[in-house]
C-alpha atoms as a PDB file:
ATOM      1  CA  MET A   1     -79.731 158.787 134.928  1.00  0.00           C
ATOM      2  CA  GLN A   2     -76.741 161.008 135.698  1.00  0.00           C
ATOM      3  CA  GLU A   3     -74.447 159.011 133.921  1.00  0.00           C
ATOM      4  CA  TYR A   4     -77.013 159.054 130.580  1.00  0.00           C
ATOM      5  CA  TYR A   5     -76.395 163.109 130.639  1.00  0.00           C
ATOM      6  CA  LYS A   6     -72.664 162.494 131.380  1.00  0.00           C
ATOM      7  CA  ILE A   7     -71.997 160.608 127.929  1.00  0.00           C
ATOM      8  CA  LEU A   8     -74.200 163.233 125.991  1.00  0.00           C
ATOM      9  CA  ASN A   9     -72.087 165.705 127.882  1.00  0.00           C
ATOM     10  CA  VAL A  10     -74.622 168.073 128.709  1.00  0.00           C
ATOM     11  CA  SER A  11     -76.410 169.035 132.158  1.00  0.00           C
ATOM     12  CA  PRO A  12     -79.721 167.337 133.598  1.00  0.00           C
ATOM     13  CA  ASP A  13     -81.209 170.882 133.472  1.00  0.00           C
ATOM     14  CA  ALA A  14     -80.944 170.792 129.973  1.00  0.00           C
ATOM     15  CA  THR A  15     -83.703 171.587 127.725  1.00  0.00           C
ATOM     16  CA  ASP A  16     -85.117 169.009 125.003  1.00  0.00           C
ATOM     17  CA  ALA A  17     -83.557 170.683 122.149  1.00  0.00           C
ATOM     18  CA  GLU A  18     -79.872 170.923 123.666  1.00  0.00           C
ATOM     19  CA  VAL A  19     -80.172 167.314 124.662  1.00  0.00           C
ATOM     20  CA  ASP A  20     -81.136 166.631 120.776  1.00  0.00           C
ATOM     21  CA  GLU A  21     -78.280 168.775 119.491  1.00  0.00           C
ATOM     22  CA  ALA A  22     -75.557 166.853 121.580  1.00  0.00           C
ATOM     23  CA  TYR A  23     -76.975 164.130 120.647  1.00  0.00           C
ATOM     24  CA  LYS A  24     -76.942 164.768 116.976  1.00  0.00           C
ATOM     25  CA  LEU A  25     -73.368 166.136 117.045  1.00  0.00           C
ATOM     26  CA  LEU A  26     -72.265 163.311 118.575  1.00  0.00           C
ATOM     27  CA  LYS A  27     -74.050 160.690 116.580  1.00  0.00           C
ATOM     28  CA  GLU A  28     -72.618 162.161 113.445  1.00  0.00           C
ATOM     29  CA  LYS A  29     -69.362 161.897 115.268  1.00  0.00           C
ATOM     30  CA  TYR A  30     -69.085 158.801 116.335  1.00  0.00           C
ATOM     31  CA  SER A  31     -70.535 157.442 112.953  1.00  0.00           C
ATOM     32  CA  ARG A  32     -67.846 158.699 110.841  1.00  0.00           C
ATOM     33  CA  GLU A  33     -64.736 157.845 113.482  1.00  0.00           C
ATOM     34  CA  ARG A  34     -66.158 154.148 113.947  1.00  0.00           C
ATOM     35  CA  PHE A  35     -64.721 153.608 110.449  1.00  0.00           C
ATOM     36  CA  TYR A  36     -61.309 154.022 111.595  1.00  0.00           C
ATOM     37  CA  GLU A  37     -58.998 151.319 111.768  1.00  0.00           C
ATOM     38  CA  GLY A  38     -57.871 149.876 114.815  1.00  0.00           C
ATOM     39  CA  ALA A  39     -58.649 150.579 118.531  1.00  0.00           C
ATOM     40  CA  GLU A  40     -59.672 154.405 117.643  1.00  0.00           C
ATOM     41  CA  GLY A  41     -62.451 152.780 115.684  1.00  0.00           C
ATOM     42  CA  ASN A  42     -63.401 150.234 118.091  1.00  0.00           C
ATOM     43  CA  GLU A  43     -63.900 152.851 120.731  1.00  0.00           C
ATOM     44  CA  ALA A  44     -65.930 155.163 118.649  1.00  0.00           C
ATOM     45  CA  ALA A  45     -68.374 152.337 117.979  1.00  0.00           C
ATOM     46  CA  ARG A  46     -68.437 151.242 121.533  1.00  0.00           C
ATOM     47  CA  ASN A  47     -69.676 155.144 122.318  1.00  0.00           C
ATOM     48  CA  LEU A  48     -72.088 155.385 119.540  1.00  0.00           C
ATOM     49  CA  THR A  49     -73.936 152.317 121.367  1.00  0.00           C
ATOM     50  CA  LYS A  50     -73.674 154.081 124.659  1.00  0.00           C
ATOM     51  CA  LEU A  51     -74.849 157.251 123.107  1.00  0.00           C
ATOM     52  CA  GLU A  52     -78.038 155.264 121.364  1.00  0.00           C
ATOM     53  CA  THR A  53     -78.914 154.050 124.986  1.00  0.00           C
ATOM     54  CA  ALA A  54     -78.354 157.239 127.081  1.00  0.00           C
ATOM     55  CA  TYR A  55     -80.591 159.370 124.719  1.00  0.00           C
ATOM     56  CA  HIS A  56     -83.066 156.674 124.698  1.00  0.00           C
ATOM     57  CA  GLU A  57     -83.137 156.575 128.483  1.00  0.00           C
ATOM     58  CA  ILE A  58     -83.294 160.423 128.653  1.00  0.00           C
ATOM     59  CA  VAL A  59     -85.940 160.863 126.004  1.00  0.00           C
ATOM     60  CA  GLU A  60     -88.136 158.022 127.862  1.00  0.00           C
ATOM     61  CA  SER A  61     -87.319 159.524 131.263  1.00  0.00           C
ATOM     62  CA  ARG A  62     -88.701 163.038 130.393  1.00  0.00           C
ATOM     63  CA  LYS A  63     -91.495 162.063 128.465  1.00  0.00           C
ATOM     64  CA  LYS A  64     -92.664 160.101 131.713  1.00  0.00           C
ATOM     65  CA  VAL A  65     -92.537 163.382 133.279  1.00  0.00           C
ATOM     66  CA  SER A  66     -93.950 165.411 130.701  1.00  0.00           C
ATOM     67  CA  ASP A  67     -97.240 163.060 130.715  1.00  0.00           C
ATOM     68  CA  GLY A  68     -97.787 163.570 134.758  1.00  0.00           C
ATOM     69  CA  GLU A  69     -96.324 159.866 134.979  1.00  0.00           C
ATOM     70  CA  GLU A  70     -94.742 159.813 138.504  1.00  0.00           C
ATOM     71  CA  VAL A  71     -91.106 158.252 138.435  1.00  0.00           C
ATOM     72  CA  LYS A  72     -90.250 156.063 141.424  1.00  0.00           C
ATOM     73  CA  TYR A  73     -86.726 155.510 142.529  1.00  0.00           C
ATOM     74  CA  ASP A  74     -85.629 152.820 144.594  1.00  0.00           C
ATOM     75  CA  PHE A  75     -83.817 154.772 147.632  1.00  0.00           C
ATOM     76  CA  SER A  76     -83.204 151.501 149.325  1.00  0.00           C
ATOM     77  CA  GLU A  77     -79.481 151.402 149.128  1.00  0.00           C
ATOM     78  CA  VAL A  78     -79.272 155.301 150.349  1.00  0.00           C
ATOM     79  CA  GLU A  79     -80.973 154.129 153.453  1.00  0.00           C
ATOM     80  CA  GLU A  80     -78.623 150.794 153.914  1.00  0.00           C
ATOM     81  CA  LEU A  81     -75.524 153.409 153.615  1.00  0.00           C
ATOM     82  CA  ILE A  82     -77.006 155.858 155.921  1.00  0.00           C
ATOM     83  CA  LYS A  83     -77.590 152.690 158.885  1.00  0.00           C
ATOM     84  CA  LYS A  84     -73.946 151.849 157.813  1.00  0.00           C
ATOM     85  CA  GLY A  85     -72.835 155.127 158.316  1.00  0.00           C
ATOM     86  CA  ASP A  86     -71.332 155.756 155.036  1.00  0.00           C
ATOM     87  CA  ILE A  87     -72.841 159.431 154.813  1.00  0.00           C
ATOM     88  CA  SER A  88     -70.692 160.117 151.681  1.00  0.00           C
ATOM     89  CA  GLY A  89     -71.222 156.859 149.999  1.00  0.00           C
ATOM     90  CA  ALA A  90     -75.348 158.018 150.823  1.00  0.00           C
ATOM     91  CA  GLN A  91     -74.871 161.592 149.122  1.00  0.00           C
ATOM     92  CA  SER A  92     -72.940 160.052 146.260  1.00  0.00           C
ATOM     93  CA  LYS A  93     -75.828 158.066 145.280  1.00  0.00           C
ATOM     94  CA  LEU A  94     -78.604 160.793 146.311  1.00  0.00           C
ATOM     95  CA  ASP A  95     -76.855 163.053 143.549  1.00  0.00           C
ATOM     96  CA  ASP A  96     -77.034 160.649 140.842  1.00  0.00           C
ATOM     97  CA  VAL A  97     -80.775 161.157 141.419  1.00  0.00           C
ATOM     98  CA  CYS A  98     -81.999 163.511 138.962  1.00  0.00           C
ATOM     99  CA  ASP A  99     -85.348 163.844 139.523  1.00  0.00           C
ATOM    100  CA  ARG A 100     -86.087 165.005 143.224  1.00  0.00           C
ATOM    101  CA  ASN A 101     -89.143 164.133 144.713  1.00  0.00           C
ATOM    102  CA  ALA A 102     -90.428 164.349 148.233  1.00  0.00           C
ATOM    103  CA  GLU A 103     -87.955 161.022 149.326  1.00  0.00           C
ATOM    104  CA  TRP A 104     -85.074 162.585 147.722  1.00  0.00           C
ATOM    105  CA  HIS A 105     -85.396 165.713 149.948  1.00  0.00           C
ATOM    106  CA  TYR A 106     -86.086 163.799 153.154  1.00  0.00           C
ATOM    107  CA  LEU A 107     -83.280 161.579 152.527  1.00  0.00           C
ATOM    108  CA  GLN A 108     -80.807 164.791 151.797  1.00  0.00           C
ATOM    109  CA  SER A 109     -82.618 166.158 155.460  1.00  0.00           C
ATOM    110  CA  VAL A 110     -81.226 162.648 157.366  1.00  0.00           C
ATOM    111  CA  ILE A 111     -77.724 163.120 155.573  1.00  0.00           C
ATOM    112  CA  PHE A 112     -77.353 166.693 156.693  1.00  0.00           C
ATOM    113  CA  TYR A 113     -78.676 165.725 159.922  1.00  0.00           C
ATOM    114  CA  LYS A 114     -75.808 163.181 159.992  1.00  0.00           C
ATOM    115  CA  LYS A 115     -73.426 165.507 159.382  1.00  0.00           C
ATOM    116  CA  ASN A 116     -74.666 168.176 162.129  1.00  0.00           C
ATOM    117  CA  TRP A 117     -76.073 170.544 159.652  1.00  0.00           C
ATOM    118  CA  ILE A 118     -79.259 171.183 161.238  1.00  0.00           C
ATOM    119  CA  ASN A 119     -80.654 174.297 159.427  1.00  0.00           C
ATOM    120  CA  GLU A 120     -79.697 172.753 156.095  1.00  0.00           C
ATOM    121  CA  SER A 121     -81.517 169.732 157.562  1.00  0.00           C
ATOM    122  CA  LYS A 122     -84.661 171.379 157.981  1.00  0.00           C
ATOM    123  CA  LYS A 123     -85.217 173.366 155.173  1.00  0.00           C
ATOM    124  CA  GLN A 124     -84.720 169.778 152.992  1.00  0.00           C
ATOM    125  CA  LEU A 125     -87.593 168.356 155.326  1.00  0.00           C
ATOM    126  CA  GLU A 126     -89.556 171.609 154.837  1.00  0.00           C
ATOM    127  CA  ILE A 127     -89.225 170.903 151.261  1.00  0.00           C
ATOM    128  CA  ALA A 128     -90.591 167.057 151.627  1.00  0.00           C
ATOM    129  CA  LEU A 129     -93.337 167.949 153.665  1.00  0.00           C
ATOM    130  CA  ASN A 130     -94.693 170.799 150.912  1.00  0.00           C
ATOM    131  CA  MET A 131     -94.156 167.961 148.687  1.00  0.00           C
ATOM    132  CA  GLN A 132     -96.468 165.669 150.193  1.00  0.00           C
ATOM    133  CA  PRO A 133     -98.074 167.684 153.480  1.00  0.00           C
ATOM    134  CA  HIS A 134     -99.755 164.131 154.451  1.00  0.00           C
ATOM    135  CA  ASN A 135     -96.588 162.050 155.220  1.00  0.00           C
ATOM    136  CA  PRO A 136     -96.739 160.990 158.946  1.00  0.00           C
ATOM    137  CA  LYS A 137     -92.868 159.920 158.715  1.00  0.00           C
ATOM    138  CA  TYR A 138     -92.063 163.730 157.524  1.00  0.00           C
ATOM    139  CA  ALA A 139     -94.458 165.460 160.103  1.00  0.00           C
ATOM    140  CA  GLU A 140     -93.105 163.264 162.637  1.00  0.00           C
ATOM    141  CA  ASP A 141     -89.324 163.589 161.973  1.00  0.00           C
ATOM    142  CA  TYR A 142     -90.085 167.840 161.513  1.00  0.00           C
ATOM    143  CA  ALA A 143     -91.754 168.076 164.854  1.00  0.00           C
ATOM    144  CA  LYS A 144     -88.539 166.289 166.748  1.00  0.00           C
ATOM    145  CA  LEU A 145     -86.313 168.592 164.672  1.00  0.00           C
ATOM    146  CA  LYS A 146     -88.272 171.847 165.399  1.00  0.00           C
ATOM    147  CA  GLN A 147     -88.148 170.724 169.010  1.00  0.00           C
ATOM    148  CA  LYS A 148     -84.212 169.735 169.018  1.00  0.00           C
ATOM    149  CA  ILE A 149     -83.417 173.317 167.144  1.00  0.00           C
ATOM    150  CA  GLU A 150     -85.767 174.945 169.780  1.00  0.00           C
ATOM    151  CA  PHE A 151     -83.988 173.784 172.757  1.00  0.00           C
ATOM    152  CA  ASN A 152     -80.611 174.133 171.643  1.00  0.00           C
ATOM    153  CA  GLU A 153     -81.672 177.564 171.001  1.00  0.00           C
ATOM    154  CA  ARG A 154     -83.023 178.114 174.983  1.00  0.00           C
ATOM    155  CA  GLN A 155     -79.290 176.477 175.915  1.00  0.00           C
ATOM    156  CA  PHE A 156     -77.575 179.155 174.243  1.00  0.00           C
ATOM    157  CA  ARG A 157     -79.397 182.025 175.523  1.00  0.00           C
ATOM    158  CA  SER A 158     -78.809 180.633 178.939  1.00  0.00           C
ATOM    159  CA  GLY A 159     -75.498 180.310 178.432  1.00  0.00           C
ATOM    160  CA  ASN A 160     -75.347 176.488 179.561  1.00  0.00           C
ATOM    161  CA  ALA A 161     -74.773 175.258 175.973  1.00  0.00           C
ATOM    162  CA  GLY A 162     -72.195 172.320 176.880  1.00  0.00           C
ATOM    163  CA  TYR A 163     -72.193 168.913 174.384  1.00  0.00           C
ATOM    164  CA  GLY A 164     -72.220 165.487 176.841  1.00  0.00           C
ATOM    165  CA  ALA A 165     -73.060 161.926 175.467  1.00  0.00           C
ATOM    166  CA  GLY A 166     -77.248 162.564 175.519  1.00  0.00           C
ATOM    167  CA  GLY A 167     -77.143 165.935 174.496  1.00  0.00           C
ATOM    168  CA  TYR A 168     -76.257 168.946 176.363  1.00  0.00           C
ATOM    169  CA  GLU A 169     -74.612 168.661 180.250  1.00  0.00           C
ATOM    170  CA  GLU A 170     -76.023 170.188 183.164  1.00  0.00           C
ATOM    171  CA  PRO A 171     -73.819 173.575 184.087  1.00  0.00           C
ATOM    172  CA  ASP A 172     -72.017 172.455 187.542  1.00  0.00           C
ATOM    173  CA  ARG A 173     -70.744 169.253 185.316  1.00  0.00           C
ATOM    174  CA  GLN A 174     -68.752 171.225 182.816  1.00  0.00           C
ATOM    175  CA  MET A 175     -65.011 172.377 183.247  1.00  0.00           C
ATOM    176  CA  GLY A 176     -64.319 171.091 186.682  1.00  0.00           C
ATOM    177  CA  GLY A 177     -68.181 171.623 188.214  1.00  0.00           C
ATOM    178  CA  SER A 178     -69.023 172.763 191.068  1.00  0.00           C
ATOM    179  CA  ASP A 179     -66.205 170.653 192.906  1.00  0.00           C
ATOM    180  CA  MET A 180     -63.916 172.945 190.974  1.00  0.00           C
ATOM    181  CA  ASN A 181     -65.843 176.635 191.927  1.00  0.00           C
ATOM    182  CA  ASN A 182     -66.071 175.247 195.601  1.00  0.00           C
ATOM    183  CA  CYS A 183     -62.068 174.912 195.294  1.00  0.00           C
ATOM    184  CA  LEU A 184     -61.569 178.046 194.264  1.00  0.00           C
ATOM    185  CA  SER A 185     -63.969 179.693 196.578  1.00  0.00           C
ATOM    186  CA  PHE A 186     -61.584 177.907 199.609  1.00  0.00           C
ATOM    187  CA  CYS A 187     -58.392 179.066 198.024  1.00  0.00           C
ATOM    188  CA  ALA A 188     -59.226 182.728 197.804  1.00  0.00           C
ATOM    189  CA  THR A 189     -60.354 182.657 201.207  1.00  0.00           C
ATOM    190  CA  TRP A 190     -57.215 180.609 202.680  1.00  0.00           C
ATOM    191  CA  CYS A 191     -55.099 183.391 200.831  1.00  0.00           C
ATOM    192  CA  CYS A 192     -57.152 186.575 202.328  1.00  0.00           C
ATOM    193  CA  ILE A 193     -56.857 184.928 205.660  1.00  0.00           C
ATOM    194  CA  ASP A 194     -52.970 184.706 205.243  1.00  0.00           C
ATOM    195  CA  MET A 195     -52.916 188.116 203.967  1.00  0.00           C
ATOM    196  CA  MET A 196     -54.655 189.730 207.212  1.00  0.00           C
ATOM    197  CA  CYS A 197     -52.657 187.568 209.291  1.00  0.00           C
ATOM    198  CA  SER A 198     -49.693 188.906 207.883  1.00  0.00           C
ATOM    199  CA  MET A 199     -50.494 192.639 207.926  1.00  0.00           C
ATOM    200  CA  CYS A 200     -51.529 192.310 211.738  1.00  0.00           C
ATOM    201  CA  CYS A 201     -48.293 190.249 213.223  1.00  0.00           C
ATOM    202  CA  ARG A 202     -45.773 193.068 211.477  1.00  0.00           C
END
């Protein structure tokens, strides 16, 4: 649907009157230019056909929404791109959807999570839950996300926030861990003994 608005050179948030006005002006322009000779006339004729199609699709889409008919989108391609790890491609496909339903916000949450934008992911998931409060998938993932955020906050507050393959590492395994601490302690003790011996033997 996004490409249709681009053809009319208006935003998806444009009012019906703005869409009608843009359609009217472009139709007059292309209708006049299609009689030009050569490539310019052919291009205007093609643009006029695209304009008529775009305007029809936009009007029909808005009519369904105003009549209370739910517009369903196939997000399978977005889901497949996410599984493949193509986050940029998935975001691009998601951006092309104008009417953003609960599933849209859920998938946006997943994409943000993959980018490690945890707070943004939580906000999108909350929107999805508000739109469909009884959706078990949304509720389950929201509970897991809250647990992760709470765990991260506890780790941060305790000063033990280190990243490992499975999440947060144990404190002793960071930057040398207990072995490094033991080594430093031994060296410090040895230095003290050496100094004391030097003082006594003068």
